[in-house]
Amino acid sequence: MRLRQLIEATIDCIAQRGYAGTTLAEVADGAGLSRGIVNFHFHSKERLLIETLRYLSQVYDRNWREAVKKAPASAAARIWAHAKSDFHKSVCNRRYISAWSGLRAEASSRPTYQKICADSDKACQDYILAQCRQIQKEGDYATDPEIVALALDALTEGLWLQFLMQPDILTPAKARKCVLAFFAGQYPKHFDRKGPIRQPGIDGGEG
């Protein structure tokens, strides 16, 4: 219980003060616990931040996996469920994105951060690429599945940052519309501006 409490307080601290401004003392105060408790569980700021990044990655992974599990059994429906999950309130909020972005920005100089991010990213990207390959095969599209998958990832990251900077302009609903417009442009036989188009002979498609 206290571990979760401290990690949640760390997320708040990073969101409010940034990476550099986050200290064990600030986290302890935010959690309403003694500084000795923080030192007992994590020993150092670096250990605390590593566990916080791991926790954020787990939240993200659980969010998209649960979304695609509930989706109809078609590649278009599954990739749309995945895309929509990126703008679910559990991850698409200023607190989560601020902490996630702040920690990921440090990954270039911290191998442990890199591994946590890479492991999470690979599972997600592999899933998206598999759906893109299936859609490309079904629709006989000229587009390269790897390029579409990379572009989708870049689009989502960009929308997250814009949501962080301009939440009054870019809402999660608008972000989902942006992704749908992208899908409709890349895969017009499978998507329109309302969502996946039901494919004859394929159990899937949703509005």
Protein backbone atom coordinates (compact mmCIF):
# COMPACT_ATOMS: atom_id res chain seq x y z
CA MET A 1 0.00 0.00 0.00
CA ARG A 2 2.76 2.43 0.94
CA LEU A 3 4.73 1.58 -2.21
CA ARG A 4 1.74 2.51 -4.38
CA GLN A 5 1.18 5.63 -2.27
CA LEU A 6 4.78 6.75 -2.78
CA ILE A 7 4.71 6.06 -6.52
CA GLU A 8 1.47 8.02 -6.92
CA ALA A 9 3.04 10.89 -4.97
CA THR A 10 6.08 10.72 -7.27
CA ILE A 11 3.84 11.00 -10.33
CA ASP A 12 2.21 14.08 -8.81
CA CYS A 13 5.59 15.58 -7.97
CA ILE A 14 7.01 15.08 -11.49
CA ALA A 15 3.82 16.50 -13.02
CA GLN A 16 4.01 19.58 -10.79
CA ARG A 17 7.75 20.15 -10.41
CA GLY A 18 9.39 18.30 -13.28
CA TYR A 19 12.09 15.66 -13.16
CA ALA A 20 14.80 17.86 -11.65
CA GLY A 21 12.47 19.30 -9.02
CA THR A 22 11.40 15.90 -7.73
CA THR A 23 13.12 14.95 -4.48
CA LEU A 24 12.59 12.23 -1.90
CA ALA A 25 11.61 14.91 0.59
CA GLU A 26 8.94 16.33 -1.73
CA VAL A 27 7.59 12.85 -2.46
CA ALA A 28 7.42 11.99 1.23
CA ASP A 29 5.57 15.22 2.00
CA GLY A 30 3.19 14.64 -0.91
CA ALA A 31 2.42 11.12 0.28
CA GLY A 32 1.98 12.27 3.86
CA LEU A 33 4.69 9.85 5.02
CA SER A 34 8.02 10.22 6.76
CA ARG A 35 11.17 10.64 4.72
CA GLY A 36 12.55 7.57 6.45
CA ILE A 37 9.77 5.46 4.89
CA VAL A 38 10.79 6.60 1.41
CA ASN A 39 14.43 5.75 2.10
CA PHE A 40 13.45 2.39 3.57
CA HIS A 41 11.49 1.32 0.47
CA PHE A 42 13.56 2.87 -2.31
CA HIS A 43 16.96 3.89 -0.87
CA SER A 44 17.48 6.53 -3.54
CA LYS A 45 15.67 8.93 -5.85
CA GLU A 46 16.88 6.95 -8.86
CA ARG A 47 15.34 3.73 -7.55
CA LEU A 48 12.06 5.50 -6.86
CA LEU A 49 11.96 7.00 -10.36
CA ILE A 50 12.75 3.65 -11.98
CA GLU A 51 9.84 2.02 -10.16
CA THR A 52 7.60 4.93 -11.08
CA LEU A 53 8.47 4.58 -14.76
CA ARG A 54 7.84 0.84 -14.54
CA TYR A 55 4.47 1.50 -12.93
CA LEU A 56 3.50 4.00 -15.64
CA SER A 57 4.48 1.48 -18.31
CA GLN A 58 2.33 -1.17 -16.65
CA VAL A 59 -0.65 1.18 -16.54
CA TYR A 60 -0.24 1.91 -20.25
CA ASP A 61 0.21 -1.76 -21.18
CA ARG A 62 -2.80 -2.87 -19.16
CA ASN A 63 -4.94 -0.12 -20.71
CA TRP A 64 -4.37 -1.09 -24.34
CA ARG A 65 -4.38 -4.84 -23.73
CA GLU A 66 -7.76 -4.67 -22.02
CA ALA A 67 -9.09 -2.51 -24.86
CA VAL A 68 -8.06 -4.85 -27.67
CA LYS A 69 -9.27 -7.89 -25.74
CA LYS A 70 -12.81 -6.44 -25.88
CA ALA A 71 -12.60 -5.48 -29.57
CA PRO A 72 -14.29 -7.40 -32.40
CA ALA A 73 -12.10 -10.00 -34.10
CA SER A 74 -10.87 -7.96 -37.06
CA ALA A 75 -7.57 -6.18 -37.55
CA ALA A 76 -9.29 -2.85 -38.22
CA ALA A 77 -11.42 -3.08 -35.07
CA ARG A 78 -8.42 -4.09 -33.00
CA ILE A 79 -6.11 -1.35 -34.19
CA TRP A 80 -8.89 1.19 -33.64
CA ALA A 81 -9.48 -0.15 -30.12
CA HIS A 82 -5.77 0.23 -29.47
CA ALA A 83 -5.70 3.76 -30.86
CA LYS A 84 -8.75 4.80 -28.83
CA SER A 85 -7.17 3.43 -25.67
CA ASP A 86 -4.34 5.94 -26.01
CA PHE A 87 -6.89 8.66 -25.31
CA HIS A 88 -8.68 6.93 -22.46
CA LYS A 89 -8.82 8.94 -19.24
CA SER A 90 -6.56 6.44 -17.47
CA VAL A 91 -3.56 7.55 -19.56
CA CYS A 92 -4.70 10.65 -21.43
CA ASN A 93 -4.58 13.11 -18.56
CA ARG A 94 -2.15 15.86 -17.67
CA ARG A 95 -0.82 14.06 -14.62
CA TYR A 96 0.05 10.83 -16.42
CA ILE A 97 1.42 12.43 -19.59
CA SER A 98 3.54 14.93 -17.64
CA ALA A 99 5.18 12.20 -15.57
CA TRP A 100 5.53 9.81 -18.53
CA SER A 101 7.10 12.47 -20.74
CA GLY A 102 9.38 13.71 -17.98
CA LEU A 103 10.79 10.26 -17.28
CA ARG A 104 11.06 9.19 -20.92
CA ALA A 105 13.03 12.34 -21.67
CA GLU A 106 15.75 11.02 -19.36
CA ALA A 107 15.95 7.63 -21.06
CA SER A 108 18.70 8.61 -23.49
CA SER A 109 21.25 8.80 -20.67
CA ARG A 110 19.87 6.06 -18.41
CA PRO A 111 20.08 2.45 -19.64
CA THR A 112 17.53 1.17 -17.12
CA TYR A 113 14.98 3.72 -18.30
CA GLN A 114 15.75 2.76 -21.89
CA LYS A 115 15.07 -0.92 -21.21
CA ILE A 116 11.76 -0.28 -19.44
CA CYS A 117 10.57 1.97 -22.28
CA ALA A 118 11.90 -0.34 -25.00
CA ASP A 119 10.19 -3.41 -23.55
CA SER A 120 6.87 -1.60 -23.29
CA ASP A 121 7.20 0.00 -26.72
CA LYS A 122 8.13 -3.26 -28.46
CA ALA A 123 5.05 -5.15 -27.27
CA CYS A 124 2.82 -2.28 -28.33
CA GLN A 125 4.51 -1.69 -31.68
CA ASP A 126 4.58 -5.39 -32.54
CA TYR A 127 0.83 -5.59 -31.97
CA ILE A 128 0.11 -2.52 -34.10
CA LEU A 129 2.39 -3.74 -36.89
CA ALA A 130 0.64 -7.12 -36.94
CA GLN A 131 -2.73 -5.41 -37.42
CA CYS A 132 -1.32 -3.13 -40.14
CA ARG A 133 0.07 -6.13 -42.01
CA GLN A 134 -3.27 -7.91 -41.83
CA ILE A 135 -5.18 -4.84 -43.05
CA GLN A 136 -2.67 -4.32 -45.86
CA LYS A 137 -3.14 -7.93 -46.93
CA GLU A 138 -6.93 -7.75 -46.81
CA GLY A 139 -7.14 -4.48 -48.74
CA ASP A 140 -4.18 -5.02 -51.05
CA TYR A 141 -2.93 -1.55 -50.14
CA ALA A 142 0.30 -0.14 -51.54
CA THR A 143 1.22 1.35 -48.18
CA ASP A 144 4.08 -0.13 -46.16
CA PRO A 145 2.73 -1.53 -42.86
CA GLU A 146 5.91 -0.56 -41.00
CA ILE A 147 5.66 3.04 -42.18
CA VAL A 148 2.00 3.24 -41.18
CA ALA A 149 2.78 1.80 -37.75
CA LEU A 150 5.61 4.29 -37.22
CA ALA A 151 3.46 7.18 -38.39
CA LEU A 152 0.66 6.16 -36.03
CA ASP A 153 3.10 6.07 -33.12
CA ALA A 154 4.43 9.52 -34.01
CA LEU A 155 0.90 10.88 -34.40
CA THR A 156 -0.14 9.59 -30.99
CA GLU A 157 2.97 10.98 -29.28
CA GLY A 158 2.39 14.34 -30.93
CA LEU A 159 -1.26 14.44 -29.92
CA TRP A 160 -0.33 13.58 -26.33
CA LEU A 161 2.11 16.48 -26.20
CA GLN A 162 -0.40 18.86 -27.74
CA PHE A 163 -3.01 17.70 -25.23
CA LEU A 164 -0.51 18.47 -22.48
CA MET A 165 0.25 21.94 -23.80
CA GLN A 166 -3.22 22.91 -25.08
CA PRO A 167 -5.87 20.84 -23.25
CA ASP A 168 -8.58 23.39 -24.01
CA ILE A 169 -7.99 23.04 -27.75
CA LEU A 170 -7.18 19.35 -28.16
CA THR A 171 -9.60 17.14 -26.29
CA PRO A 172 -9.40 13.32 -26.28
CA ALA A 173 -12.44 13.28 -28.60
CA LYS A 174 -10.66 15.50 -31.14
CA ALA A 175 -7.53 13.39 -30.85
CA ARG A 176 -9.53 10.27 -31.72
CA LYS A 177 -10.96 12.07 -34.75
CA CYS A 178 -7.42 12.90 -35.88
CA VAL A 179 -6.43 9.25 -35.68
CA LEU A 180 -9.56 8.18 -37.56
CA ALA A 181 -8.74 10.67 -40.32
CA PHE A 182 -5.28 9.11 -40.53
CA PHE A 183 -6.70 5.58 -40.74
CA ALA A 184 -9.27 6.61 -43.36
CA GLY A 185 -6.48 8.10 -45.47
CA GLN A 186 -4.24 5.05 -45.22
CA TYR A 187 -6.90 2.33 -45.32
CA PRO A 188 -10.01 3.69 -47.09
CA LYS A 189 -11.51 0.23 -47.61
CA HIS A 190 -11.36 -0.42 -43.89
CA PHE A 191 -12.05 2.98 -42.30
CA ASP A 192 -14.17 6.04 -42.77
CA ARG A 193 -14.42 9.10 -40.51
CA LYS A 194 -16.80 7.22 -38.19
CA GLY A 195 -14.66 4.17 -37.56
CA PRO A 196 -13.86 0.72 -39.00
CA ILE A 197 -15.97 -0.42 -41.94
CA ARG A 198 -17.37 -3.92 -41.59
CA GLN A 199 -15.58 -6.26 -43.96
CA PRO A 200 -17.56 -9.00 -45.75
CA GLY A 201 -16.56 -12.38 -44.42
CA ILE A 202 -14.64 -10.93 -41.49
CA ASP A 203 -16.03 -10.86 -37.99
CA GLY A 204 -15.37 -7.27 -37.03
CA GLY A 205 -15.92 -3.66 -37.87
CA GLU A 206 -17.51 -1.15 -35.63
CA GLY A 207 -18.85 2.34 -35.83
